[in-house]
Amino acid sequence: MKKCYSLLPALLLVLGMTCAVMAAGELHGNAKSRIYHNSSCRYYTCRNCTVIFASAQEARAAGFRACKICGG
């Protein structure tokens, strides 16, 4: 039986980097107002903020605008 332990560190590195990028750039969009917020915004966890974007470009392409308080 061949052991593939050498691939495990590389896989964990890729998964860790992916999670870090997603957490750092994640934006929440309000489905009703079509406004997106960054994680430091007081409206980031609002009831209608159910749309999640990886970037501001993705949010704008979907027809959302940046929050005037946090800048998106």
Protein backbone atom coordinates (compact mmCIF):
# COMPACT_ATOMS: atom_id res chain seq x y z
CA MET A 1 0.00 0.00 0.00
CA LYS A 2 1.50 3.31 -1.15
CA LYS A 3 1.28 6.28 1.22
CA CYS A 4 0.63 9.75 -0.16
CA TYR A 5 1.56 11.82 2.88
CA SER A 6 3.68 14.16 0.75
CA LEU A 7 0.56 15.66 -0.85
CA LEU A 8 -1.11 16.47 2.44
CA PRO A 9 0.94 19.61 3.33
CA ALA A 10 0.43 21.06 -0.15
CA LEU A 11 -3.31 20.42 0.01
CA LEU A 12 -3.59 22.01 3.44
CA LEU A 13 -1.64 25.05 2.23
CA VAL A 14 -3.94 25.56 -0.76
CA LEU A 15 -7.08 25.14 1.36
CA GLY A 16 -5.75 27.54 3.98
CA MET A 17 -4.89 30.18 1.40
CA THR A 18 -8.31 29.84 -0.22
CA CYS A 19 -10.09 30.31 3.11
CA ALA A 20 -7.95 33.33 3.97
CA VAL A 21 -8.68 35.01 0.65
CA MET A 22 -12.39 34.35 0.95
CA ALA A 23 -12.58 35.64 4.52
CA ALA A 24 -10.58 38.77 3.75
CA GLY A 25 -12.58 39.71 0.66
CA GLU A 26 -16.05 38.53 1.54
CA LEU A 27 -18.80 41.11 1.16
CA HIS A 28 -22.47 40.83 2.10
CA GLY A 29 -25.12 42.27 -0.16
CA ASN A 30 -28.56 43.36 0.92
CA ALA A 31 -30.99 41.62 -1.42
CA LYS A 32 -33.66 44.33 -1.04
CA SER A 33 -31.61 47.53 -1.24
CA ARG A 34 -28.94 46.11 -3.60
CA ILE A 35 -26.16 47.58 -1.40
CA TYR A 36 -23.06 45.62 -0.37
CA HIS A 37 -21.11 45.95 2.89
CA ASN A 38 -17.65 44.93 4.11
CA SER A 39 -17.07 43.02 7.34
CA SER A 40 -16.36 46.18 9.39
CA CYS A 41 -19.74 47.73 8.57
CA ARG A 42 -22.50 47.80 11.16
CA TYR A 43 -24.92 46.61 8.45
CA TYR A 44 -22.78 43.60 7.42
CA THR A 45 -25.02 41.18 9.33
CA CYS A 46 -28.39 42.76 8.56
CA ARG A 47 -31.40 40.52 8.10
CA ASN A 48 -31.55 41.08 4.33
CA CYS A 49 -27.78 40.76 3.74
CA THR A 50 -28.07 37.28 2.31
CA VAL A 51 -26.05 37.68 -0.90
CA ILE A 52 -22.33 36.93 -0.53
CA PHE A 53 -19.68 38.25 -2.90
CA ALA A 54 -15.98 37.49 -3.13
CA SER A 55 -15.11 40.96 -4.43
CA ALA A 56 -16.48 44.43 -5.04
CA GLN A 57 -16.22 43.83 -8.79
CA GLU A 58 -18.47 40.79 -8.46
CA ALA A 59 -21.01 42.79 -6.45
CA ARG A 60 -21.07 45.66 -8.95
CA ALA A 61 -21.44 43.21 -11.85
CA ALA A 62 -24.52 41.82 -10.09
CA GLY A 63 -26.04 45.31 -9.91
CA PHE A 64 -25.16 46.19 -6.30
CA ARG A 65 -23.59 49.46 -5.16
CA ALA A 66 -21.20 50.13 -2.29
CA CYS A 67 -22.51 51.21 1.10
CA LYS A 68 -22.03 54.94 1.69
CA ILE A 69 -21.02 54.30 5.31
CA CYS A 70 -18.35 51.60 4.92
CA GLY A 71 -17.52 52.01 1.24
CA GLY A 72 -18.26 48.38 0.55
